[in-house]
Structure formats: C-alpha cells, structure tokens
N, C-alpha and C. Protein backbone atom coordinates (compact mmCIF):
# COMPACT_ATOMS: atom_id res chain seq x y z
N MET A 1 -28.56 -43.85 -45.01
CA MET A 1 -29.15 -44.04 -43.74
C MET A 1 -28.60 -44.30 -42.32
N ARG A 2 -27.39 -43.88 -42.12
CA ARG A 2 -26.76 -43.92 -40.65
C ARG A 2 -27.43 -43.00 -40.03
N THR A 3 -28.03 -42.02 -40.47
CA THR A 3 -28.05 -40.56 -39.25
C THR A 3 -29.17 -41.26 -38.31
N PRO A 4 -30.48 -41.75 -38.24
CA PRO A 4 -30.91 -41.90 -37.37
C PRO A 4 -30.20 -42.78 -36.08
N ALA A 5 -29.28 -43.55 -36.49
CA ALA A 5 -28.38 -44.51 -35.62
C ALA A 5 -27.37 -43.62 -35.00
N LEU A 6 -26.74 -42.42 -35.57
CA LEU A 6 -26.21 -41.33 -34.95
C LEU A 6 -26.78 -40.27 -33.85
N VAL A 7 -27.97 -40.16 -34.46
CA VAL A 7 -29.00 -39.46 -33.76
C VAL A 7 -29.03 -39.93 -32.31
N ARG A 8 -29.76 -41.00 -32.17
CA ARG A 8 -29.70 -42.00 -31.07
C ARG A 8 -29.00 -41.37 -29.74
N PRO A 9 -27.93 -42.10 -29.89
CA PRO A 9 -26.65 -41.67 -29.14
C PRO A 9 -26.56 -40.22 -28.63
N ALA A 10 -27.08 -39.28 -29.38
CA ALA A 10 -26.58 -37.92 -29.27
C ALA A 10 -27.70 -37.56 -28.22
N LEU A 11 -29.05 -37.91 -28.47
CA LEU A 11 -29.79 -37.43 -27.75
C LEU A 11 -29.99 -38.23 -26.54
N THR A 12 -29.59 -39.42 -26.43
CA THR A 12 -29.43 -39.84 -25.01
C THR A 12 -28.62 -39.26 -24.22
N LEU A 13 -27.30 -38.82 -24.91
CA LEU A 13 -26.39 -38.14 -23.89
C LEU A 13 -26.91 -36.80 -23.33
N LEU A 14 -27.81 -35.96 -24.43
CA LEU A 14 -28.22 -34.65 -24.41
C LEU A 14 -29.22 -35.13 -23.00
N VAL A 15 -29.83 -35.79 -22.95
CA VAL A 15 -30.87 -36.32 -21.93
C VAL A 15 -30.24 -36.22 -20.62
N LEU A 16 -29.27 -37.30 -20.62
CA LEU A 16 -28.80 -37.50 -19.51
C LEU A 16 -28.07 -36.56 -19.23
N LEU A 17 -27.32 -35.45 -19.65
CA LEU A 17 -26.20 -34.44 -19.09
C LEU A 17 -27.18 -33.45 -18.89
N THR A 18 -28.40 -33.54 -19.47
CA THR A 18 -29.46 -32.51 -18.96
C THR A 18 -29.70 -32.56 -17.42
N VAL A 19 -29.80 -33.96 -17.32
CA VAL A 19 -30.49 -34.54 -16.18
C VAL A 19 -29.40 -34.16 -15.15
N LEU A 20 -28.62 -34.82 -15.34
CA LEU A 20 -27.24 -34.56 -14.72
C LEU A 20 -26.88 -33.08 -14.17
N THR A 21 -26.84 -32.31 -15.16
CA THR A 21 -26.14 -31.10 -14.92
C THR A 21 -27.29 -29.86 -14.48
N GLY A 22 -28.73 -30.32 -14.92
CA GLY A 22 -29.64 -29.21 -14.47
C GLY A 22 -30.67 -29.62 -13.62
N LEU A 23 -30.18 -30.89 -13.10
CA LEU A 23 -31.12 -31.18 -11.74
C LEU A 23 -30.78 -31.74 -10.67
N VAL A 24 -29.73 -32.93 -11.13
CA VAL A 24 -29.15 -33.43 -10.06
C VAL A 24 -27.83 -32.96 -9.55
N TYR A 25 -26.78 -31.86 -10.03
CA TYR A 25 -26.27 -31.20 -9.43
C TYR A 25 -26.66 -30.27 -8.63
N PRO A 26 -27.62 -29.40 -9.60
CA PRO A 26 -28.18 -28.23 -8.29
C PRO A 26 -28.73 -28.92 -7.41
N LEU A 27 -29.41 -29.52 -7.00
CA LEU A 27 -29.97 -30.27 -5.65
C LEU A 27 -29.35 -30.48 -4.99
N VAL A 28 -28.04 -31.37 -5.65
CA VAL A 28 -27.19 -31.60 -4.28
C VAL A 28 -26.25 -30.42 -3.77
N VAL A 29 -26.03 -29.55 -4.70
CA VAL A 29 -25.33 -28.37 -4.07
C VAL A 29 -25.95 -27.72 -2.97
N THR A 30 -27.53 -27.42 -3.35
CA THR A 30 -28.13 -26.40 -2.32
C THR A 30 -28.43 -27.65 -1.29
N GLY A 31 -28.71 -29.04 -1.52
CA GLY A 31 -28.79 -29.45 -0.36
C GLY A 31 -27.19 -29.71 1.00
N LEU A 32 -26.10 -29.66 0.09
CA LEU A 32 -25.38 -29.73 0.99
C LEU A 32 -25.16 -28.27 1.50
N ALA A 33 -25.29 -27.03 0.84
CA ALA A 33 -25.39 -25.98 1.19
C ALA A 33 -26.07 -26.04 2.35
N GLN A 34 -27.43 -26.39 1.98
CA GLN A 34 -28.38 -25.77 3.17
C GLN A 34 -28.07 -26.77 4.80
N ALA A 35 -27.58 -27.75 4.39
CA ALA A 35 -26.89 -28.90 5.60
C ALA A 35 -25.62 -27.77 6.38
N MET A 36 -24.86 -27.72 5.76
CA MET A 36 -23.69 -27.25 5.77
C MET A 36 -23.58 -25.65 6.49
N PHE A 37 -24.03 -24.88 5.92
CA PHE A 37 -23.89 -23.52 5.87
C PHE A 37 -25.55 -22.90 5.58
N PRO A 38 -26.45 -23.06 6.67
CA PRO A 38 -27.67 -22.69 5.92
C PRO A 38 -27.92 -21.49 6.12
N HIS A 39 -27.29 -20.41 7.30
CA HIS A 39 -27.23 -18.87 7.20
C HIS A 39 -26.94 -18.40 5.80
N GLN A 40 -25.79 -18.56 5.27
CA GLN A 40 -25.34 -18.64 4.15
C GLN A 40 -25.85 -18.52 2.72
N ALA A 41 -26.13 -19.79 2.79
CA ALA A 41 -27.15 -20.42 1.70
C ALA A 41 -28.36 -19.64 1.47
N ASN A 42 -29.27 -19.12 2.61
CA ASN A 42 -30.23 -18.51 2.66
C ASN A 42 -30.24 -16.82 2.61
N GLY A 43 -28.80 -16.63 2.23
CA GLY A 43 -28.65 -14.70 1.93
C GLY A 43 -28.21 -14.17 2.82
N SER A 44 -27.26 -14.80 4.13
CA SER A 44 -27.06 -14.10 5.29
C SER A 44 -27.87 -12.76 5.44
N LEU A 45 -29.36 -13.04 5.67
CA LEU A 45 -30.17 -12.06 6.11
C LEU A 45 -29.49 -11.59 7.61
N MET A 46 -30.03 -10.58 7.62
CA MET A 46 -29.78 -9.93 9.17
C MET A 46 -31.55 -9.58 9.75
N GLU A 47 -31.79 -10.00 10.89
CA GLU A 47 -33.01 -9.83 11.11
C GLU A 47 -33.03 -8.67 12.50
N ARG A 48 -34.25 -8.27 12.34
CA ARG A 48 -34.55 -7.52 13.61
C ARG A 48 -36.04 -7.84 13.81
N ASP A 49 -36.35 -8.25 15.21
CA ASP A 49 -37.92 -8.23 15.49
C ASP A 49 -38.44 -9.42 14.56
N GLY A 50 -37.37 -10.52 14.45
CA GLY A 50 -37.95 -11.45 13.51
C GLY A 50 -38.18 -11.31 12.11
N ARG A 51 -38.17 -9.93 11.23
CA ARG A 51 -38.29 -9.64 10.14
C ARG A 51 -36.85 -9.23 9.67
N PRO A 52 -36.77 -9.70 8.43
CA PRO A 52 -35.22 -9.42 7.74
C PRO A 52 -35.13 -7.85 7.33
N ASN A 53 -34.17 -7.39 7.46
CA ASN A 53 -33.76 -6.13 7.17
C ASN A 53 -32.92 -5.82 6.44
N GLY A 54 -32.17 -7.09 5.77
CA GLY A 54 -31.07 -6.69 4.72
C GLY A 54 -29.96 -8.06 4.91
N SER A 55 -29.28 -7.99 3.69
CA SER A 55 -28.17 -9.22 4.07
C SER A 55 -26.87 -8.40 4.30
N SER A 56 -26.31 -9.04 5.12
CA SER A 56 -24.99 -8.61 5.52
C SER A 56 -23.83 -8.73 4.09
N LEU A 57 -24.20 -9.49 3.22
CA LEU A 57 -23.34 -9.35 2.10
C LEU A 57 -23.66 -7.99 1.05
N ILE A 58 -24.58 -7.37 1.22
CA ILE A 58 -24.93 -6.58 -0.01
C ILE A 58 -25.21 -5.25 0.81
N GLY A 59 -24.63 -4.47 0.82
CA GLY A 59 -24.41 -3.10 1.53
C GLY A 59 -26.07 -2.14 0.79
N GLN A 60 -26.50 -1.24 1.92
CA GLN A 60 -27.84 -0.74 1.49
C GLN A 60 -27.52 0.95 1.82
N GLU A 61 -28.60 1.39 1.12
CA GLU A 61 -28.17 2.93 1.42
C GLU A 61 -28.61 3.41 2.84
N PHE A 62 -27.89 4.56 3.10
CA PHE A 62 -28.54 5.02 4.27
C PHE A 62 -28.38 6.59 3.90
N THR A 63 -29.28 7.38 4.23
CA THR A 63 -29.16 8.96 3.96
C THR A 63 -29.08 9.46 5.50
N ALA A 64 -30.13 8.86 6.45
CA ALA A 64 -30.23 10.12 7.38
C ALA A 64 -28.83 9.97 8.17
N PRO A 65 -28.79 11.21 9.18
CA PRO A 65 -28.04 11.49 9.63
C PRO A 65 -27.63 10.81 10.79
N LYS A 66 -28.97 9.90 11.46
CA LYS A 66 -28.72 9.23 12.87
C LYS A 66 -28.06 7.76 12.24
N TYR A 67 -27.65 7.80 10.74
CA TYR A 67 -27.20 6.49 10.41
C TYR A 67 -25.55 6.34 10.26
N PHE A 68 -24.98 5.41 10.27
CA PHE A 68 -23.74 5.25 9.46
C PHE A 68 -24.09 5.26 8.16
N TRP A 69 -23.19 5.60 7.16
CA TRP A 69 -23.58 5.83 5.87
C TRP A 69 -22.27 4.62 5.12
N GLY A 70 -22.53 3.95 4.38
CA GLY A 70 -21.94 2.72 3.49
C GLY A 70 -20.91 3.54 2.45
N ARG A 71 -20.21 2.55 2.07
CA ARG A 71 -19.43 3.02 0.79
C ARG A 71 -20.43 3.67 -0.46
N PRO A 72 -20.16 4.34 -0.96
CA PRO A 72 -20.77 4.56 -2.47
C PRO A 72 -21.35 3.24 -3.11
N SER A 73 -22.52 3.24 -4.12
CA SER A 73 -22.52 2.16 -4.85
C SER A 73 -22.47 2.62 -6.35
N ALA A 74 -21.98 1.71 -6.92
CA ALA A 74 -21.78 1.98 -8.48
C ALA A 74 -22.68 1.71 -9.33
N THR A 75 -23.39 0.79 -8.86
CA THR A 75 -24.89 0.24 -9.41
C THR A 75 -25.66 0.83 -10.14
N ALA A 76 -26.06 0.56 -11.43
CA ALA A 76 -27.30 1.45 -11.62
C ALA A 76 -28.43 0.78 -12.05
N PRO A 77 -29.64 1.28 -12.14
CA PRO A 77 -30.24 2.69 -12.24
C PRO A 77 -30.28 2.96 -10.37
N GLN A 78 -30.64 2.09 -9.96
CA GLN A 78 -30.43 2.56 -8.41
C GLN A 78 -29.43 1.77 -7.14
N ALA A 79 -29.00 2.16 -6.36
CA ALA A 79 -28.17 2.18 -5.62
C ALA A 79 -28.11 0.68 -4.91
N TYR A 80 -27.04 -0.14 -5.06
CA TYR A 80 -26.94 -1.29 -4.27
C TYR A 80 -28.17 -2.43 -5.04
N ASN A 81 -27.92 -2.21 -6.51
CA ASN A 81 -28.93 -3.31 -7.23
C ASN A 81 -27.96 -4.46 -7.54
N GLY A 82 -28.49 -5.09 -6.49
CA GLY A 82 -27.60 -6.63 -6.98
C GLY A 82 -27.57 -7.33 -8.05
N THR A 83 -28.75 -6.83 -9.06
CA THR A 83 -28.68 -7.58 -10.62
C THR A 83 -27.43 -6.68 -11.29
N ALA A 84 -27.06 -5.60 -10.69
CA ALA A 84 -26.20 -4.87 -11.53
C ALA A 84 -24.71 -4.92 -10.87
N SER A 85 -24.27 -5.84 -10.29
CA SER A 85 -23.22 -5.62 -9.61
C SER A 85 -21.86 -5.60 -10.62
N GLY A 86 -21.26 -4.38 -10.03
CA GLY A 86 -19.90 -4.03 -11.18
C GLY A 86 -19.37 -3.12 -10.72
N GLY A 87 -18.04 -2.45 -10.58
CA GLY A 87 -17.36 -1.19 -10.57
C GLY A 87 -18.15 -0.04 -11.87
N SER A 88 -17.75 0.86 -11.62
CA SER A 88 -18.40 2.02 -12.81
C SER A 88 -16.91 2.14 -13.70
N ASN A 89 -15.75 1.31 -13.58
CA ASN A 89 -14.79 1.44 -14.61
C ASN A 89 -14.38 2.68 -15.07
N LEU A 90 -14.46 3.74 -14.25
CA LEU A 90 -14.13 5.06 -14.34
C LEU A 90 -12.65 5.06 -13.93
N GLY A 91 -11.63 5.31 -14.96
CA GLY A 91 -10.29 5.80 -14.23
C GLY A 91 -10.08 6.64 -13.42
N PRO A 92 -8.90 7.02 -12.94
CA PRO A 92 -8.18 8.38 -11.49
C PRO A 92 -8.71 9.55 -12.43
N ALA A 93 -8.30 9.53 -13.76
CA ALA A 93 -8.31 11.02 -14.52
C ALA A 93 -9.44 10.97 -14.94
N ASN A 94 -10.74 10.42 -14.89
CA ASN A 94 -12.05 10.45 -15.69
C ASN A 94 -12.75 11.76 -15.09
N PRO A 95 -13.18 12.30 -15.44
CA PRO A 95 -13.74 13.73 -14.75
C PRO A 95 -15.17 13.46 -14.40
N ALA A 96 -15.67 12.05 -14.94
CA ALA A 96 -16.84 11.71 -14.24
C ALA A 96 -16.58 11.28 -12.62
N LEU A 97 -15.48 10.69 -12.81
CA LEU A 97 -15.20 10.13 -11.31
C LEU A 97 -14.83 11.02 -10.55
N THR A 98 -14.14 12.02 -11.06
CA THR A 98 -13.31 13.32 -10.01
C THR A 98 -14.86 13.92 -9.50
N GLY A 99 -15.83 14.57 -10.77
CA GLY A 99 -17.17 14.80 -10.25
C GLY A 99 -17.93 14.23 -9.12
N ALA A 100 -18.00 12.81 -9.25
CA ALA A 100 -18.62 12.33 -8.52
C ALA A 100 -18.26 12.04 -6.93
N VAL A 101 -16.69 11.99 -6.99
CA VAL A 101 -16.48 12.07 -5.55
C VAL A 101 -16.05 13.34 -4.93
N GLU A 102 -15.97 14.32 -5.62
CA GLU A 102 -16.53 16.01 -5.37
C GLU A 102 -17.92 15.96 -4.59
N ARG A 103 -18.93 15.73 -5.49
CA ARG A 103 -20.18 15.62 -5.14
C ARG A 103 -20.46 14.99 -3.45
N ARG A 104 -19.52 13.54 -3.25
CA ARG A 104 -19.81 13.23 -2.22
C ARG A 104 -19.20 13.71 -1.08
N ILE A 105 -17.75 14.31 -1.10
CA ILE A 105 -17.08 14.72 -0.14
C ILE A 105 -17.93 16.10 0.37
N ALA A 106 -18.86 16.86 -0.69
CA ALA A 106 -19.47 17.72 -0.46
C ALA A 106 -21.00 17.60 0.23
N ALA A 107 -21.19 16.54 0.10
CA ALA A 107 -22.47 15.70 1.08
C ALA A 107 -21.74 15.72 2.25
N LEU A 108 -20.71 14.81 2.68
CA LEU A 108 -20.19 14.76 3.72
C LEU A 108 -20.07 15.86 4.61
N GLN A 109 -19.82 16.82 3.67
CA GLN A 109 -19.25 17.91 4.38
C GLN A 109 -20.56 18.99 5.00
N ALA A 110 -21.41 18.83 4.32
CA ALA A 110 -22.69 19.28 4.58
C ALA A 110 -23.38 18.71 5.89
N ALA A 111 -23.23 17.43 5.65
CA ALA A 111 -24.07 16.56 6.96
C ALA A 111 -23.13 16.63 8.39
N ASP A 112 -22.03 17.12 8.27
CA ASP A 112 -21.34 17.39 9.68
C ASP A 112 -20.30 18.47 9.47
N PRO A 113 -20.75 20.01 9.02
CA PRO A 113 -19.69 20.97 8.68
C PRO A 113 -18.87 21.29 9.69
N GLY A 114 -18.91 20.94 11.13
CA GLY A 114 -17.84 20.85 11.99
C GLY A 114 -16.75 19.65 11.84
N ASN A 115 -17.05 18.79 11.10
CA ASN A 115 -16.08 18.04 10.99
C ASN A 115 -14.65 18.32 10.18
N HIS A 116 -13.66 18.62 10.63
CA HIS A 116 -12.69 18.89 9.61
C HIS A 116 -11.48 17.70 9.50
N ALA A 117 -11.71 16.56 9.93
CA ALA A 117 -11.17 15.60 9.92
C ALA A 117 -10.59 15.30 8.28
N PRO A 118 -9.80 14.64 8.07
CA PRO A 118 -9.54 13.69 6.35
C PRO A 118 -10.94 12.80 6.28
N ILE A 119 -11.38 12.71 5.00
CA ILE A 119 -12.37 11.54 4.81
C ILE A 119 -11.89 10.63 4.20
N PRO A 120 -12.20 9.34 5.00
CA PRO A 120 -11.52 8.20 4.18
C PRO A 120 -11.73 7.60 3.15
N VAL A 121 -11.16 7.41 2.10
CA VAL A 121 -11.49 7.07 0.69
C VAL A 121 -12.44 6.30 0.49
N ASP A 122 -12.69 5.37 1.50
CA ASP A 122 -13.75 4.30 1.11
C ASP A 122 -15.43 5.23 1.14
N LEU A 123 -15.37 6.23 1.82
CA LEU A 123 -16.67 7.00 2.07
C LEU A 123 -16.99 7.97 0.59
N VAL A 124 -16.29 7.65 -0.51
CA VAL A 124 -16.09 9.07 -1.51
C VAL A 124 -16.13 7.62 -2.91
N THR A 125 -15.46 6.90 -3.12
CA THR A 125 -15.25 5.92 -3.74
C THR A 125 -16.19 4.57 -3.81
N ALA A 126 -16.48 3.93 -4.64
CA ALA A 126 -17.26 2.74 -4.73
C ALA A 126 -16.33 1.37 -4.73
N SER A 127 -16.50 0.39 -4.40
CA SER A 127 -15.56 -0.66 -4.63
C SER A 127 -16.30 -1.66 -5.78
N GLY A 128 -15.16 -2.43 -6.16
CA GLY A 128 -15.14 -3.21 -7.11
C GLY A 128 -16.53 -3.68 -7.78
N SER A 129 -17.32 -4.35 -6.41
CA SER A 129 -18.63 -4.86 -7.05
C SER A 129 -19.70 -4.01 -7.12
N GLY A 130 -19.66 -2.31 -6.38
CA GLY A 130 -20.31 -1.38 -5.93
C GLY A 130 -21.57 -1.96 -4.85
N LEU A 131 -21.24 -2.90 -4.41
CA LEU A 131 -22.50 -3.50 -3.44
C LEU A 131 -21.47 -3.70 -2.18
N ASP A 132 -20.29 -3.23 -1.87
CA ASP A 132 -20.15 -3.66 -0.49
C ASP A 132 -20.51 -2.86 0.68
N PRO A 133 -20.68 -4.10 1.39
CA PRO A 133 -21.69 -3.89 2.67
C PRO A 133 -20.59 -3.19 3.86
N GLU A 134 -19.47 -2.93 3.79
CA GLU A 134 -18.38 -2.79 5.21
C GLU A 134 -17.89 -1.31 4.77
N ILE A 135 -17.19 -0.54 5.79
CA ILE A 135 -16.58 0.58 5.49
C ILE A 135 -15.00 0.09 6.69
N SER A 136 -14.30 0.98 6.52
CA SER A 136 -13.37 0.98 7.18
C SER A 136 -13.62 1.41 8.94
N PRO A 137 -12.60 1.13 9.65
CA PRO A 137 -12.92 1.81 11.23
C PRO A 137 -12.46 3.20 11.21
N ALA A 138 -11.93 4.00 9.86
CA ALA A 138 -11.42 4.95 9.87
C ALA A 138 -13.00 5.67 9.35
N ALA A 139 -13.75 4.86 8.84
CA ALA A 139 -14.58 5.48 8.15
C ALA A 139 -16.09 5.94 9.01
N ALA A 140 -16.19 4.98 9.83
CA ALA A 140 -16.91 4.59 10.71
C ALA A 140 -16.95 5.60 11.86
N GLN A 141 -15.40 6.11 12.34
CA GLN A 141 -14.87 7.10 12.95
C GLN A 141 -14.93 8.55 12.77
N TYR A 142 -15.30 8.71 11.67
CA TYR A 142 -15.08 10.17 10.35
C TYR A 142 -16.69 10.34 11.26
N GLN A 143 -17.63 8.99 10.55
CA GLN A 143 -19.22 9.66 10.73
C GLN A 143 -19.68 9.44 12.45
N LEU A 144 -18.74 9.17 13.48
CA LEU A 144 -19.12 8.85 14.87
C LEU A 144 -19.56 10.17 14.93
N ALA A 145 -19.32 11.51 15.21
CA ALA A 145 -19.48 12.44 16.28
C ALA A 145 -20.82 12.85 15.72
N ARG A 146 -21.45 12.73 14.16
CA ARG A 146 -22.63 13.10 13.44
C ARG A 146 -23.41 12.09 14.10
N VAL A 147 -23.27 10.97 14.04
CA VAL A 147 -24.56 9.95 14.24
C VAL A 147 -24.73 9.77 16.20
N ALA A 148 -23.76 10.22 16.59
CA ALA A 148 -23.82 10.50 18.14
C ALA A 148 -24.73 11.70 18.49
N ARG A 149 -24.82 12.89 17.73
CA ARG A 149 -25.38 13.95 17.82
C ARG A 149 -26.69 13.88 17.40
N ALA A 150 -27.04 13.07 16.20
CA ALA A 150 -28.16 13.15 15.73
C ALA A 150 -29.19 11.80 16.49
N ARG A 151 -28.48 11.58 17.40
CA ARG A 151 -29.10 10.30 18.29
C ARG A 151 -29.18 10.76 19.72
N GLY A 152 -28.56 11.82 19.87
CA GLY A 152 -28.45 12.13 21.42
C GLY A 152 -27.76 11.28 22.10
N LEU A 153 -26.94 10.69 21.70
CA LEU A 153 -26.16 9.68 22.79
C LEU A 153 -24.60 9.75 22.85
N PRO A 154 -24.15 9.90 23.90
CA PRO A 154 -22.74 10.12 24.34
C PRO A 154 -21.90 9.34 23.35
N PRO A 155 -20.88 10.28 22.63
CA PRO A 155 -19.78 9.66 21.79
C PRO A 155 -19.15 8.43 22.18
N ALA A 156 -18.90 8.43 23.06
CA ALA A 156 -18.14 7.37 24.05
C ALA A 156 -19.13 5.78 23.46
N GLU A 157 -20.72 5.89 23.97
CA GLU A 157 -21.15 4.97 23.72
C GLU A 157 -21.24 4.30 22.63
N VAL A 158 -21.26 5.56 21.27
CA VAL A 158 -21.13 4.87 19.82
C VAL A 158 -19.73 4.35 19.63
N ARG A 159 -18.57 5.10 20.23
CA ARG A 159 -17.45 4.39 19.75
C ARG A 159 -17.49 2.95 20.26
N ALA A 160 -17.67 2.62 21.48
CA ALA A 160 -17.96 1.36 21.69
C ALA A 160 -18.55 0.38 21.13
N LEU A 161 -19.79 0.86 20.69
CA LEU A 161 -20.18 0.17 19.64
C LEU A 161 -19.91 -0.18 18.34
N VAL A 162 -19.14 1.09 17.86
CA VAL A 162 -18.23 0.75 16.51
C VAL A 162 -17.06 -0.61 16.43
N ALA A 163 -16.75 -0.15 18.10
CA ALA A 163 -15.56 -1.34 18.18
C ALA A 163 -15.87 -2.44 18.36
N ARG A 164 -17.49 -2.37 18.98
CA ARG A 164 -17.95 -4.30 18.86
C ARG A 164 -18.45 -4.64 17.16
N CYS A 165 -18.90 -3.93 16.94
CA CYS A 165 -18.99 -4.21 15.50
C CYS A 165 -17.78 -4.42 14.12
N THR A 166 -16.69 -3.94 14.73
CA THR A 166 -15.69 -3.92 13.96
C THR A 166 -14.90 -5.52 14.07
N ARG A 167 -14.88 -5.87 12.68
CA ARG A 167 -14.10 -7.22 12.88
C ARG A 167 -12.92 -7.09 12.02
N GLY A 168 -11.77 -8.03 12.42
CA GLY A 168 -10.47 -8.14 12.18
C GLY A 168 -10.15 -8.72 10.91
N ARG A 169 -8.79 -8.80 10.65
CA ARG A 169 -8.68 -9.73 9.17
C ARG A 169 -9.10 -10.97 9.04
N GLN A 170 -9.35 -11.39 8.50
CA GLN A 170 -10.06 -12.88 8.10
C GLN A 170 -8.67 -13.61 8.46
N PHE A 171 -8.71 -14.56 9.46
CA PHE A 171 -7.75 -15.57 9.79
C PHE A 171 -6.48 -14.71 10.03
N GLY A 172 -6.95 -13.26 10.64
CA GLY A 172 -5.76 -12.56 11.25
C GLY A 172 -4.74 -12.01 9.93
N VAL A 173 -4.89 -12.45 8.96
CA VAL A 173 -3.70 -12.14 7.99
C VAL A 173 -4.90 -11.26 6.61
N LEU A 174 -5.78 -11.94 6.45
CA LEU A 174 -5.88 -11.66 5.27
C LEU A 174 -7.18 -10.41 5.01
N GLY A 175 -6.73 -9.34 4.22
CA GLY A 175 -7.97 -8.24 4.33
C GLY A 175 -7.40 -7.16 5.58
N GLU A 176 -8.57 -5.96 5.62
CA GLU A 176 -8.16 -5.03 6.48
C GLU A 176 -9.66 -5.43 7.57
N PRO A 177 -9.12 -4.44 8.64
CA PRO A 177 -10.17 -4.73 9.55
C PRO A 177 -11.34 -3.63 8.69
N ARG A 178 -12.73 -4.19 9.46
CA ARG A 178 -13.86 -3.53 8.68
C ARG A 178 -15.07 -3.24 9.14
N VAL A 179 -16.05 -2.75 9.42
CA VAL A 179 -17.23 -2.50 9.79
C VAL A 179 -18.40 -2.72 9.02
N ASN A 180 -19.32 -3.47 9.33
CA ASN A 180 -20.36 -4.05 8.52
C ASN A 180 -21.55 -3.10 8.63
N VAL A 181 -21.99 -2.08 7.65
CA VAL A 181 -22.82 -0.67 8.12
C VAL A 181 -24.36 -1.12 8.50
N LEU A 182 -24.79 -2.20 7.99
CA LEU A 182 -26.24 -2.56 8.32
C LEU A 182 -25.96 -3.44 9.72
N GLU A 183 -25.03 -4.23 10.16
CA GLU A 183 -24.86 -4.68 11.53
C GLU A 183 -24.89 -3.38 12.32
N LEU A 184 -23.93 -2.79 12.35
CA LEU A 184 -23.63 -1.14 13.01
C LEU A 184 -25.02 -0.34 13.43
N ASN A 185 -25.57 -0.54 12.16
CA ASN A 185 -27.03 0.71 12.44
C ASN A 185 -28.14 -0.13 13.39
N LEU A 186 -28.18 -1.52 12.81
CA LEU A 186 -28.93 -2.01 13.68
C LEU A 186 -28.66 -2.31 14.90
N ALA A 187 -27.67 -2.15 15.26
CA ALA A 187 -27.37 -2.04 16.83
C ALA A 187 -27.62 -1.14 17.32
N LEU A 188 -27.45 0.17 16.49
CA LEU A 188 -27.91 1.42 17.17
C LEU A 188 -29.20 1.64 17.25
N ASP A 189 -30.33 1.30 16.15
CA ASP A 189 -31.72 1.25 16.53
C ASP A 189 -32.02 0.26 17.67
N ALA A 190 -31.50 -0.67 17.76
CA ALA A 190 -31.57 -1.50 19.24
C ALA A 190 -31.43 -0.90 20.32
N LEU A 191 -30.23 0.12 20.28
CA LEU A 191 -29.89 0.91 21.60
C LEU A 191 -31.18 2.21 21.93
N ALA A 192 -31.73 2.35 21.09
CA ALA A 192 -32.72 3.21 21.07
C ALA A 192 -34.11 2.44 21.37
N VAL A 193 -34.10 1.26 21.42
CA VAL A 193 -35.28 0.46 21.92
C VAL A 193 -35.22 0.56 23.24
N ARG A 194 -34.14 0.32 24.02
CA ARG A 194 -33.94 -0.11 25.21
C ARG A 194 -34.37 0.88 26.21
C-alpha cells in the first residue's frame, strides 16, 4: 500500500507547477510587457479620433480605389483572419496559385487601366503569415497615381506622404524598406480632413 505515499508528492508537484506556470509566470510576463512595452502589449493599435482603426502588425483589406491596397491575404475563410495565420502552401507551379496571381493582376489592371508599369510581386502574392501589414515602396509607387486621382490630390503630395510613411531597414541592415498600409491610409484620410 505505498500508492497513497507516491500520489501525494505527485499531486503536490502538479499543484505547484500549475500555480507557477499557469498563474505566476503569465502575470509576471504580462506585467513586464505592460511596464516596458505598453503599446506593443496592447496590440500596437493605431487610432484616429480616439478610436482604434486596427493594428499596425496585422494587415487589413482595402478595396476602394482611394486607398492603397496591401498584400493579398492567404487566410481563410476571411481575409486577414488573425486566428488563421499561415501561408497558402501552394508551390510556384500549382495551378491554384497561378490562377490567384492572374486574378490579382487583372484586378490591379482593372483598377488602373492606364498604368502599364510592372506590378510588384508583393501586390499579387501573399506573405508567409498571410497577415502582412506592409508593402514595398515599389508597390506603393505602383498605386500612387490611382490613389491620387481617386482623391483629387496632386501626385507629388501623395508621393511625399508615401515617403514619410516609408520605414527603412531595421537597425539599418535587417529586412527591406517597407510601407505600413494602415498607417499610410490613415494619413491619407487625415489629409482629407484638413
């Protein structure tokens, strides 16, 4: 009858580890995050007029011609679904990927028929997470004339806004220059208010 003697230490250890890893650790990590990085810990929300409009870390779908469009989302059943993060896992020779890219190219050309510039690849392919909130400066430049025309703004003013919203490489060496689509579109909406 040594079973009860063996069960007691195991149950004690179970309760202790449950309290440490299920209660103490999450509270400490949450407290440190709130103290050291409050903006990021609360979702990196971008606000306009005191109301949140989205996160700078998760893309949003923009379809109106007056807005810059982000990278396509690979999440389903809805675009930019944060609970379904992941790429499409379609290879470059897969007919489903080829068809999706062709439809995206056709949509971009239909939105701006006079634009004969090469379409940047990030406007027709999804990122690995399917939630990318940023586009390349080339993708922003490709859309610039359409957005300026739809808003009745001089292209130079929109170009300056794109330049202001362009972020360089992290620490000067990591990644590529990028433009946060939500930040850029909120800045465009702010121009309309002034």
